[in-house]
Amino acid sequence: MYAREREMNRIPVQLPGGKKVDLSPGGQNTLIAQVVSEFCERYTPNGEVLYIGDAENKWAIFEKDSLAKLGVEVDSHGKMPDIVVFLRDRNWLFLIEAASSHGPVDAKRHRELSDLFRGSSAGLVFISALPSRVELRKYLREIAWETDVWCADTPTHLIHFNGERFLGPYDQDLT
């Protein structure tokens, strides 16, 4: 009976290529579904979702071979972002943190993700996704510079945290 109820509450997500995945009803998965349907549609059109971490199943979507082709080798102990999207036409790899439970891309997380994806041949774009601008207020002091923030309650806008670019990778050699 409990298993049946849990299956009914799963969150359906349709990936940009049409593939479907059902996420568990817990954690930040509602926000992850919004990122895929709202953020990706607007900011990574035709992007390939290479990874989604489900609250119940860390490897709900894991395109290991595609990541390897980009020079990214991930072991099961690597602390992946919540979502990884590859925008092939720009050669950008979006590393998206759904900050409803674990927080945004702060300076420490930026370093961790930079290290985890250091072999990437694609430029790295760091995104903190939050459910609302009200939630953003809790994290304003923590968000790393040279990253972007997307809030689900205002899906047509991004907030850019300084730097020489807007929504794009930065030269990793810059300090």
C-alpha atoms as a PDB file:
ATOM      1  CA  MET A   1       0.000   0.000   0.000  1.00  0.00           C
ATOM      2  CA  TYR A   2       2.777   2.482   0.914  1.00  0.00           C
ATOM      3  CA  ALA A   3       4.767   1.655  -2.192  1.00  0.00           C
ATOM      4  CA  ARG A   4       1.704   2.263  -4.371  1.00  0.00           C
ATOM      5  CA  GLU A   5       1.058   5.674  -2.779  1.00  0.00           C
ATOM      6  CA  ARG A   6       4.681   6.673  -3.309  1.00  0.00           C
ATOM      7  CA  GLU A   7       4.550   5.774  -7.004  1.00  0.00           C
ATOM      8  CA  MET A   8       1.426   7.907  -7.459  1.00  0.00           C
ATOM      9  CA  ASN A   9       3.183  10.973  -6.031  1.00  0.00           C
ATOM     10  CA  ARG A  10       6.211  10.773  -8.313  1.00  0.00           C
ATOM     11  CA  ILE A  11       7.135  13.920 -10.265  1.00  0.00           C
ATOM     12  CA  PRO A  12       7.103  13.410 -14.049  1.00  0.00           C
ATOM     13  CA  VAL A  13       9.820  15.275 -15.951  1.00  0.00           C
ATOM     14  CA  GLN A  14      10.132  15.454 -19.717  1.00  0.00           C
ATOM     15  CA  LEU A  15      13.693  16.085 -20.872  1.00  0.00           C
ATOM     16  CA  PRO A  16      14.386  18.374 -23.843  1.00  0.00           C
ATOM     17  CA  GLY A  17      14.867  15.428 -26.228  1.00  0.00           C
ATOM     18  CA  GLY A  18      11.492  13.948 -25.265  1.00  0.00           C
ATOM     19  CA  LYS A  19      12.762  11.287 -22.866  1.00  0.00           C
ATOM     20  CA  LYS A  20      10.751  11.053 -19.647  1.00  0.00           C
ATOM     21  CA  VAL A  21      11.862  10.352 -16.098  1.00  0.00           C
ATOM     22  CA  ASP A  22       9.877  10.176 -12.873  1.00  0.00           C
ATOM     23  CA  LEU A  23      11.518  11.718  -9.822  1.00  0.00           C
ATOM     24  CA  SER A  24      10.705  10.829  -6.248  1.00  0.00           C
ATOM     25  CA  PRO A  25       8.386  13.243  -4.435  1.00  0.00           C
ATOM     26  CA  GLY A  26      10.970  14.336  -1.849  1.00  0.00           C
ATOM     27  CA  GLY A  27      13.682  16.932  -1.454  1.00  0.00           C
ATOM     28  CA  GLN A  28      14.316  19.490  -4.151  1.00  0.00           C
ATOM     29  CA  ASN A  29      12.810  17.388  -6.961  1.00  0.00           C
ATOM     30  CA  THR A  30       9.911  19.796  -7.558  1.00  0.00           C
ATOM     31  CA  LEU A  31      12.483  22.535  -8.196  1.00  0.00           C
ATOM     32  CA  ILE A  32      14.533  20.186 -10.410  1.00  0.00           C
ATOM     33  CA  ALA A  33      11.419  19.551 -12.517  1.00  0.00           C
ATOM     34  CA  GLN A  34      10.906  23.315 -12.838  1.00  0.00           C
ATOM     35  CA  VAL A  35      14.529  23.807 -13.872  1.00  0.00           C
ATOM     36  CA  VAL A  36      14.205  21.208 -16.625  1.00  0.00           C
ATOM     37  CA  SER A  37      10.870  22.507 -17.923  1.00  0.00           C
ATOM     38  CA  GLU A  38      11.353  26.268 -17.446  1.00  0.00           C
ATOM     39  CA  PHE A  39      15.074  27.120 -17.239  1.00  0.00           C
ATOM     40  CA  CYS A  40      16.289  24.642 -19.849  1.00  0.00           C
ATOM     41  CA  GLU A  41      13.599  25.620 -22.322  1.00  0.00           C
ATOM     42  CA  ARG A  42      14.625  29.269 -22.138  1.00  0.00           C
ATOM     43  CA  TYR A  43      18.366  29.245 -21.517  1.00  0.00           C
ATOM     44  CA  THR A  44      19.649  25.923 -22.861  1.00  0.00           C
ATOM     45  CA  PRO A  45      17.441  25.296 -25.911  1.00  0.00           C
ATOM     46  CA  ASN A  46      18.293  21.931 -27.481  1.00  0.00           C
ATOM     47  CA  GLY A  47      20.520  21.224 -24.482  1.00  0.00           C
ATOM     48  CA  GLU A  48      21.270  17.654 -23.502  1.00  0.00           C
ATOM     49  CA  VAL A  49      20.530  16.725 -19.891  1.00  0.00           C
ATOM     50  CA  LEU A  50      23.513  14.580 -18.937  1.00  0.00           C
ATOM     51  CA  TYR A  51      22.774  14.206 -15.245  1.00  0.00           C
ATOM     52  CA  ILE A  52      19.906  14.588 -12.800  1.00  0.00           C
ATOM     53  CA  GLY A  53      20.301  13.637  -9.180  1.00  0.00           C
ATOM     54  CA  ASP A  54      17.039  12.443  -7.658  1.00  0.00           C
ATOM     55  CA  ALA A  55      16.511  12.715  -3.886  1.00  0.00           C
ATOM     56  CA  GLU A  56      15.853   8.961  -3.909  1.00  0.00           C
ATOM     57  CA  ASN A  57      18.227   7.909  -6.716  1.00  0.00           C
ATOM     58  CA  LYS A  58      21.427   9.954  -7.050  1.00  0.00           C
ATOM     59  CA  TRP A  59      21.899   8.749 -10.629  1.00  0.00           C
ATOM     60  CA  ALA A  60      18.331   9.163 -12.020  1.00  0.00           C
ATOM     61  CA  ILE A  61      19.865  10.369 -15.298  1.00  0.00           C
ATOM     62  CA  PHE A  62      23.563   9.751 -15.818  1.00  0.00           C
ATOM     63  CA  GLU A  63      25.003   9.936 -19.307  1.00  0.00           C
ATOM     64  CA  LYS A  64      28.440   8.696 -18.312  1.00  0.00           C
ATOM     65  CA  ASP A  65      29.663   8.200 -21.887  1.00  0.00           C
ATOM     66  CA  SER A  66      28.589  11.683 -22.965  1.00  0.00           C
ATOM     67  CA  LEU A  67      30.367  13.226 -19.979  1.00  0.00           C
ATOM     68  CA  ALA A  68      33.470  11.138 -20.720  1.00  0.00           C
ATOM     69  CA  LYS A  69      33.508  12.466 -24.312  1.00  0.00           C
ATOM     70  CA  LEU A  70      33.692  15.937 -22.782  1.00  0.00           C
ATOM     71  CA  GLY A  71      36.650  14.890 -20.632  1.00  0.00           C
ATOM     72  CA  VAL A  72      34.642  14.500 -17.427  1.00  0.00           C
ATOM     73  CA  GLU A  73      35.234  11.327 -15.425  1.00  0.00           C
ATOM     74  CA  VAL A  74      32.936  11.041 -12.427  1.00  0.00           C
ATOM     75  CA  ASP A  75      33.172   8.347  -9.805  1.00  0.00           C
ATOM     76  CA  SER A  76      30.312   7.350  -7.546  1.00  0.00           C
ATOM     77  CA  HIS A  77      31.763   9.430  -4.695  1.00  0.00           C
ATOM     78  CA  GLY A  78      31.944  12.697  -6.613  1.00  0.00           C
ATOM     79  CA  LYS A  79      29.490  15.266  -5.280  1.00  0.00           C
ATOM     80  CA  MET A  80      27.642  16.074  -8.484  1.00  0.00           C
ATOM     81  CA  PRO A  81      25.520  19.173  -8.992  1.00  0.00           C
ATOM     82  CA  ASP A  82      21.790  18.490  -9.099  1.00  0.00           C
ATOM     83  CA  ILE A  83      21.579  18.891 -12.884  1.00  0.00           C
ATOM     84  CA  VAL A  84      24.161  18.938 -15.686  1.00  0.00           C
ATOM     85  CA  VAL A  85      23.137  20.192 -19.128  1.00  0.00           C
ATOM     86  CA  PHE A  86      25.360  20.324 -22.211  1.00  0.00           C
ATOM     87  CA  LEU A  87      24.677  23.056 -24.741  1.00  0.00           C
ATOM     88  CA  ARG A  88      26.463  21.590 -27.745  1.00  0.00           C
ATOM     89  CA  ASP A  89      26.230  24.582 -30.114  1.00  0.00           C
ATOM     90  CA  ARG A  90      28.108  26.781 -27.620  1.00  0.00           C
ATOM     91  CA  ASN A  91      30.164  24.012 -26.037  1.00  0.00           C
ATOM     92  CA  TRP A  92      28.937  25.004 -22.558  1.00  0.00           C
ATOM     93  CA  LEU A  93      28.314  22.676 -19.648  1.00  0.00           C
ATOM     94  CA  PHE A  94      25.733  24.046 -17.201  1.00  0.00           C
ATOM     95  CA  LEU A  95      26.241  22.914 -13.606  1.00  0.00           C
ATOM     96  CA  ILE A  96      22.991  23.642 -11.811  1.00  0.00           C
ATOM     97  CA  GLU A  97      22.397  23.480  -8.075  1.00  0.00           C
ATOM     98  CA  ALA A  98      18.756  23.300  -6.979  1.00  0.00           C
ATOM     99  CA  ALA A  99      19.246  25.391  -3.875  1.00  0.00           C
ATOM    100  CA  SER A 100      16.018  24.607  -2.069  1.00  0.00           C
ATOM    101  CA  SER A 101      17.694  22.310   0.436  1.00  0.00           C
ATOM    102  CA  HIS A 102      21.501  22.379   0.084  1.00  0.00           C
ATOM    103  CA  GLY A 103      22.106  26.000  -0.759  1.00  0.00           C
ATOM    104  CA  PRO A 104      23.453  27.848  -3.805  1.00  0.00           C
ATOM    105  CA  VAL A 105      26.764  27.762  -5.607  1.00  0.00           C
ATOM    106  CA  ASP A 106      28.890  29.489  -2.985  1.00  0.00           C
ATOM    107  CA  ALA A 107      32.688  29.928  -3.208  1.00  0.00           C
ATOM    108  CA  LYS A 108      33.352  26.497  -1.683  1.00  0.00           C
ATOM    109  CA  ARG A 109      30.886  24.720  -3.980  1.00  0.00           C
ATOM    110  CA  HIS A 110      32.273  26.623  -6.969  1.00  0.00           C
ATOM    111  CA  ARG A 111      35.758  25.235  -6.179  1.00  0.00           C
ATOM    112  CA  GLU A 112      34.382  21.696  -5.652  1.00  0.00           C
ATOM    113  CA  LEU A 113      32.539  21.733  -8.973  1.00  0.00           C
ATOM    114  CA  SER A 114      35.506  23.300 -10.775  1.00  0.00           C
ATOM    115  CA  ASP A 115      37.709  20.476  -9.460  1.00  0.00           C
ATOM    116  CA  LEU A 116      35.168  17.756 -10.287  1.00  0.00           C
ATOM    117  CA  PHE A 117      34.758  19.067 -13.856  1.00  0.00           C
ATOM    118  CA  ARG A 118      38.351  20.277 -14.393  1.00  0.00           C
ATOM    119  CA  GLY A 119      38.872  17.946 -17.375  1.00  0.00           C
ATOM    120  CA  SER A 120      35.890  19.318 -19.262  1.00  0.00           C
ATOM    121  CA  SER A 121      36.526  20.468 -22.802  1.00  0.00           C
ATOM    122  CA  ALA A 122      33.324  22.519 -22.520  1.00  0.00           C
ATOM    123  CA  GLY A 123      33.153  25.839 -20.716  1.00  0.00           C
ATOM    124  CA  LEU A 124      31.569  25.630 -17.266  1.00  0.00           C
ATOM    125  CA  VAL A 125      28.510  27.729 -16.398  1.00  0.00           C
ATOM    126  CA  PHE A 126      27.463  27.779 -12.734  1.00  0.00           C
ATOM    127  CA  ILE A 127      23.780  28.260 -11.898  1.00  0.00           C
ATOM    128  CA  SER A 128      22.007  28.417  -8.547  1.00  0.00           C
ATOM    129  CA  ALA A 129      18.314  27.628  -8.994  1.00  0.00           C
ATOM    130  CA  LEU A 130      15.956  28.724  -6.251  1.00  0.00           C
ATOM    131  CA  PRO A 131      12.202  28.386  -5.836  1.00  0.00           C
ATOM    132  CA  SER A 132      11.666  32.120  -5.318  1.00  0.00           C
ATOM    133  CA  ARG A 133      13.274  35.501  -4.814  1.00  0.00           C
ATOM    134  CA  VAL A 134      12.100  35.329  -1.211  1.00  0.00           C
ATOM    135  CA  GLU A 135      14.246  32.201  -0.820  1.00  0.00           C
ATOM    136  CA  LEU A 136      17.104  33.993  -2.609  1.00  0.00           C
ATOM    137  CA  ARG A 137      17.228  36.588   0.189  1.00  0.00           C
ATOM    138  CA  LYS A 138      18.456  33.879   2.571  1.00  0.00           C
ATOM    139  CA  TYR A 139      21.460  33.164   0.361  1.00  0.00           C
ATOM    140  CA  LEU A 140      22.491  36.514  -1.142  1.00  0.00           C
ATOM    141  CA  ARG A 141      25.659  36.798   0.936  1.00  0.00           C
ATOM    142  CA  GLU A 142      26.772  33.260   0.038  1.00  0.00           C
ATOM    143  CA  ILE A 143      26.378  33.185  -3.740  1.00  0.00           C
ATOM    144  CA  ALA A 144      29.714  33.038  -5.551  1.00  0.00           C
ATOM    145  CA  TRP A 145      30.745  35.754  -7.945  1.00  0.00           C
ATOM    146  CA  GLU A 146      30.829  34.875 -11.634  1.00  0.00           C
ATOM    147  CA  THR A 147      27.730  32.694 -11.305  1.00  0.00           C
ATOM    148  CA  ASP A 148      24.104  33.166 -12.250  1.00  0.00           C
ATOM    149  CA  VAL A 149      20.889  32.705 -10.273  1.00  0.00           C
ATOM    150  CA  TRP A 150      17.513  31.589 -11.594  1.00  0.00           C
ATOM    151  CA  CYS A 151      14.332  31.789  -9.514  1.00  0.00           C
ATOM    152  CA  ALA A 152      11.367  29.601 -10.439  1.00  0.00           C
ATOM    153  CA  ASP A 153       8.859  32.297  -9.495  1.00  0.00           C
ATOM    154  CA  THR A 154      10.321  34.610 -12.173  1.00  0.00           C
ATOM    155  CA  PRO A 155      11.442  32.085 -14.805  1.00  0.00           C
ATOM    156  CA  THR A 156      12.034  34.619 -17.598  1.00  0.00           C
ATOM    157  CA  HIS A 157      14.823  36.406 -15.712  1.00  0.00           C
ATOM    158  CA  LEU A 158      18.343  35.635 -14.525  1.00  0.00           C
ATOM    159  CA  ILE A 159      20.378  37.385 -11.878  1.00  0.00           C
ATOM    160  CA  HIS A 160      24.050  37.714 -12.743  1.00  0.00           C
ATOM    161  CA  PHE A 161      26.636  37.926 -10.002  1.00  0.00           C
ATOM    162  CA  ASN A 162      29.198  40.262 -11.555  1.00  0.00           C
ATOM    163  CA  GLY A 163      32.079  39.382 -13.793  1.00  0.00           C
ATOM    164  CA  GLU A 164      32.923  40.060 -17.396  1.00  0.00           C
ATOM    165  CA  ARG A 165      30.236  37.807 -18.891  1.00  0.00           C
ATOM    166  CA  PHE A 166      26.528  37.274 -18.589  1.00  0.00           C
ATOM    167  CA  LEU A 167      25.465  33.616 -18.680  1.00  0.00           C
ATOM    168  CA  GLY A 168      28.570  31.984 -19.986  1.00  0.00           C
ATOM    169  CA  PRO A 169      31.737  30.225 -18.880  1.00  0.00           C
ATOM    170  CA  TYR A 170      34.660  32.091 -17.430  1.00  0.00           C
ATOM    171  CA  ASP A 171      38.319  31.492 -18.122  1.00  0.00           C
ATOM    172  CA  GLN A 172      39.296  29.285 -15.192  1.00  0.00           C
ATOM    173  CA  ASP A 173      42.681  31.001 -15.032  1.00  0.00           C
ATOM    174  CA  LEU A 174      41.100  34.304 -13.958  1.00  0.00           C
ATOM    175  CA  THR A 175      41.208  34.977 -10.238  1.00  0.00           C
END
